[in-house]
Amino acid sequence: MYSPREMGLRIKQARENRAKRSGQPFTQKMLAFKIGETSKWVQKVEKGNFYPEWDPLNLIADTCGVPLDFITGEKLESEVDYEEAIHGGRVARTIKNEELHV
């Protein structure tokens, strides 16, 4: 999985590649409109300030005409896979304080 910064660069690259394929500009504002976000949100994602949610990420890939793994760096099948990749897995169980003092 790419870091947020690398993912942001890949999203920017995907957006720019769409513009090259169409021969017309495809700005952050245009991408934002297509996916239902603000241009400020797209700007922050492209700068790598955070990992986007699963649904907007899929919309970005679809809108830019790239596979999701181009943007993420991994073949992810579901939102659960994505959440585990960006948050480091699931919590098996929580240990109570009493258990620590055995």
Protein backbone atom coordinates (compact mmCIF):
# COMPACT_ATOMS: atom_id res chain seq x y z
CA MET A 1 0.00 0.00 0.00
CA TYR A 2 1.29 3.40 -0.92
CA SER A 3 1.75 6.12 1.67
CA PRO A 4 -0.85 8.92 1.55
CA ARG A 5 1.72 11.10 -0.25
CA GLU A 6 2.45 8.48 -2.91
CA MET A 7 -1.25 7.73 -3.32
CA GLY A 8 -1.90 11.44 -3.81
CA LEU A 9 0.75 11.59 -6.52
CA ARG A 10 -0.82 8.58 -8.25
CA ILE A 11 -4.26 10.22 -8.14
CA LYS A 12 -2.79 13.38 -9.66
CA GLN A 13 -1.08 11.27 -12.33
CA ALA A 14 -4.35 9.46 -13.09
CA ARG A 15 -6.17 12.79 -13.42
CA GLU A 16 -3.47 14.18 -15.71
CA ASN A 17 -3.46 11.01 -17.82
CA ARG A 18 -7.21 11.36 -18.33
CA ALA A 19 -6.61 14.90 -19.59
CA LYS A 20 -3.94 13.68 -22.02
CA ARG A 21 -6.18 10.90 -23.35
CA SER A 22 -9.08 13.28 -23.94
CA GLY A 23 -6.96 16.15 -25.21
CA GLN A 24 -8.76 18.50 -22.83
CA PRO A 25 -7.94 19.77 -19.34
CA PHE A 26 -9.24 17.74 -16.41
CA THR A 27 -8.73 19.90 -13.34
CA GLN A 28 -9.05 19.16 -9.64
CA LYS A 29 -12.30 21.08 -9.72
CA MET A 30 -13.65 18.88 -12.53
CA LEU A 31 -12.64 15.70 -10.69
CA ALA A 32 -14.24 17.01 -7.51
CA PHE A 33 -17.51 17.68 -9.32
CA LYS A 34 -17.53 14.18 -10.87
CA ILE A 35 -17.00 12.42 -7.53
CA GLY A 36 -19.14 14.69 -5.35
CA GLU A 37 -16.36 16.30 -3.34
CA THR A 38 -14.88 19.80 -3.18
CA SER A 39 -11.84 20.94 -5.13
CA LYS A 40 -10.16 21.65 -1.76
CA TRP A 41 -10.72 17.99 -0.80
CA VAL A 42 -9.11 16.81 -4.07
CA GLN A 43 -6.22 19.21 -3.52
CA LYS A 44 -5.62 17.80 -0.03
CA VAL A 45 -5.81 14.19 -1.28
CA GLU A 46 -3.34 14.91 -4.09
CA LYS A 47 -0.96 16.51 -1.56
CA GLY A 48 -1.15 13.32 0.52
CA ASN A 49 -2.73 14.88 3.60
CA PHE A 50 -4.88 11.80 4.23
CA TYR A 51 -6.16 8.52 2.81
CA PRO A 52 -9.52 9.03 1.10
CA GLU A 53 -12.52 6.92 2.02
CA TRP A 54 -13.22 3.77 -0.02
CA ASP A 55 -16.16 5.10 -2.07
CA PRO A 56 -14.51 8.32 -3.30
CA LEU A 57 -11.34 6.36 -4.04
CA ASN A 58 -13.28 3.99 -6.29
CA LEU A 59 -14.98 6.94 -7.99
CA ILE A 60 -11.61 8.58 -8.63
CA ALA A 61 -10.25 5.41 -10.25
CA ASP A 62 -13.38 4.97 -12.35
CA THR A 63 -13.56 8.63 -13.38
CA CYS A 64 -9.89 8.74 -14.35
CA GLY A 65 -10.07 5.41 -16.16
CA VAL A 66 -7.45 3.58 -14.13
CA PRO A 67 -7.61 0.38 -12.08
CA LEU A 68 -7.82 0.88 -8.33
CA ASP A 69 -4.48 -0.88 -7.80
CA PHE A 70 -2.80 1.84 -9.90
CA ILE A 71 -3.77 4.30 -7.17
CA THR A 72 -3.33 2.10 -4.08
CA GLY A 73 -0.38 -0.05 -5.12
CA GLU A 74 -2.26 -3.21 -4.10
CA LYS A 75 -5.04 -5.38 -5.40
CA LEU A 76 -7.81 -4.69 -2.89
CA GLU A 77 -11.10 -6.53 -3.22
CA SER A 78 -13.22 -4.72 -0.66
CA GLU A 79 -13.57 -1.82 1.71
CA VAL A 80 -12.48 -4.14 4.55
CA ASP A 81 -9.20 -4.89 2.75
CA TYR A 82 -8.63 -1.16 2.24
CA GLU A 83 -9.43 -0.28 5.85
CA GLU A 84 -7.06 -2.99 7.10
CA ALA A 85 -4.31 -1.74 4.80
CA ILE A 86 -4.55 1.88 5.96
CA HIS A 87 -5.20 1.16 9.64
CA GLY A 88 -2.96 -1.85 10.18
CA GLY A 89 -5.41 -4.70 10.56
CA ARG A 90 -8.23 -5.58 12.89
CA VAL A 91 -8.22 -5.71 16.66
CA ALA A 92 -8.58 -9.33 17.71
CA ARG A 93 -9.75 -8.41 21.21
CA THR A 94 -9.24 -5.75 23.84
CA ILE A 95 -7.25 -6.65 26.94
CA LYS A 96 -8.76 -5.46 30.20
CA ASN A 97 -6.55 -3.75 32.79
CA GLU A 98 -7.19 -6.58 35.26
CA GLU A 99 -5.64 -9.05 32.81
CA LEU A 100 -2.43 -7.05 32.66
CA HIS A 101 -1.80 -7.43 36.40
CA VAL A 102 -1.75 -11.21 36.52
